[in-house]
Amino acid sequence: MEIVYILRRIEDDGYSYLSNKTFNFLKQKCNMASTFKVSDMMEFKSEQDAESYLALHNNLRGLIEVVKVIKR
């Protein structure tokens, strides 16, 4: 079991997740598998790492939360 952190933006109609491929948020659709692979999510080793990344990239805007994720 591994704990990682991701950045998720809250939107009116759901969430979008920070991608390690585009370095931008990608929208979650009803069928997430068709639009976004879980392996494409940018992962951080700590909450502080995620917050530091967000502080350095001020082009990422909106209601953004750091989410703790357990990988099994």
Protein backbone atom coordinates (compact mmCIF):
# COMPACT_ATOMS: atom_id res chain seq x y z
CA MET A 1 0.00 0.00 0.00
CA GLU A 2 1.31 3.43 -0.97
CA ILE A 3 -0.04 6.87 -0.06
CA VAL A 4 0.29 9.65 -2.64
CA TYR A 5 -1.30 13.06 -3.08
CA ILE A 6 -2.96 14.52 -6.17
CA LEU A 7 -4.33 17.93 -7.10
CA ARG A 8 -8.02 18.05 -7.93
CA ARG A 9 -9.97 21.10 -9.09
CA ILE A 10 -13.60 21.44 -8.01
CA GLU A 11 -15.89 22.44 -10.86
CA ASP A 12 -19.63 23.07 -11.17
CA ASP A 13 -20.24 19.71 -12.79
CA GLY A 14 -17.59 17.52 -11.17
CA TYR A 15 -13.81 17.42 -10.87
CA SER A 16 -10.73 17.73 -13.01
CA TYR A 17 -7.34 16.26 -12.16
CA LEU A 18 -3.81 17.50 -12.75
CA SER A 19 -2.23 15.47 -15.55
CA ASN A 20 1.45 14.55 -15.66
CA LYS A 21 1.22 14.50 -19.48
CA THR A 22 -0.27 17.96 -20.16
CA PHE A 23 0.63 19.64 -16.82
CA ASN A 24 -2.90 21.02 -16.79
CA PHE A 25 -6.22 19.88 -15.35
CA LEU A 26 -8.19 17.30 -17.32
CA LYS A 27 -11.92 16.97 -16.82
CA GLN A 28 -13.41 13.78 -15.43
CA LYS A 29 -16.25 12.53 -17.60
CA CYS A 30 -18.91 9.95 -16.74
CA ASN A 31 -16.74 7.23 -18.23
CA MET A 32 -13.37 8.34 -16.86
CA ALA A 33 -11.51 5.49 -18.57
CA SER A 34 -12.27 6.92 -22.00
CA THR A 35 -10.86 10.36 -21.22
CA PHE A 36 -8.25 10.03 -18.51
CA LYS A 37 -6.05 7.21 -17.29
CA VAL A 38 -5.35 7.00 -13.58
CA SER A 39 -1.66 6.58 -14.45
CA ASP A 40 -1.82 10.06 -16.06
CA MET A 41 -2.51 11.76 -12.72
CA MET A 42 0.39 13.77 -11.37
CA GLU A 43 1.34 12.25 -8.01
CA PHE A 44 3.16 13.87 -5.11
CA LYS A 45 4.87 12.10 -2.22
CA SER A 46 3.59 14.55 0.40
CA GLU A 47 0.93 17.18 0.89
CA GLN A 48 3.69 19.79 1.14
CA ASP A 49 5.11 18.73 -2.25
CA ALA A 50 1.69 19.23 -3.84
CA GLU A 51 1.24 22.62 -2.22
CA SER A 52 4.75 23.70 -3.29
CA TYR A 53 4.03 22.69 -6.89
CA LEU A 54 0.82 24.69 -6.81
CA ALA A 55 2.62 27.74 -5.37
CA LEU A 56 5.24 27.60 -8.15
CA HIS A 57 2.67 27.26 -10.96
CA ASN A 58 0.36 30.24 -10.55
CA ASN A 59 -1.26 29.52 -13.93
CA LEU A 60 -3.23 26.74 -12.17
CA ARG A 61 -6.32 28.49 -10.84
CA GLY A 62 -9.71 27.69 -9.35
CA LEU A 63 -10.85 25.81 -6.27
CA ILE A 64 -8.03 23.29 -5.99
CA GLU A 65 -7.68 20.70 -3.27
CA VAL A 66 -4.89 18.34 -2.30
CA VAL A 67 -6.33 14.84 -2.11
CA LYS A 68 -4.75 11.94 -0.22
CA VAL A 69 -4.95 8.74 -2.28
CA ILE A 70 -4.19 5.18 -1.22
CA LYS A 71 -2.78 3.01 -4.01
CA ARG A 72 -3.20 -0.73 -3.51
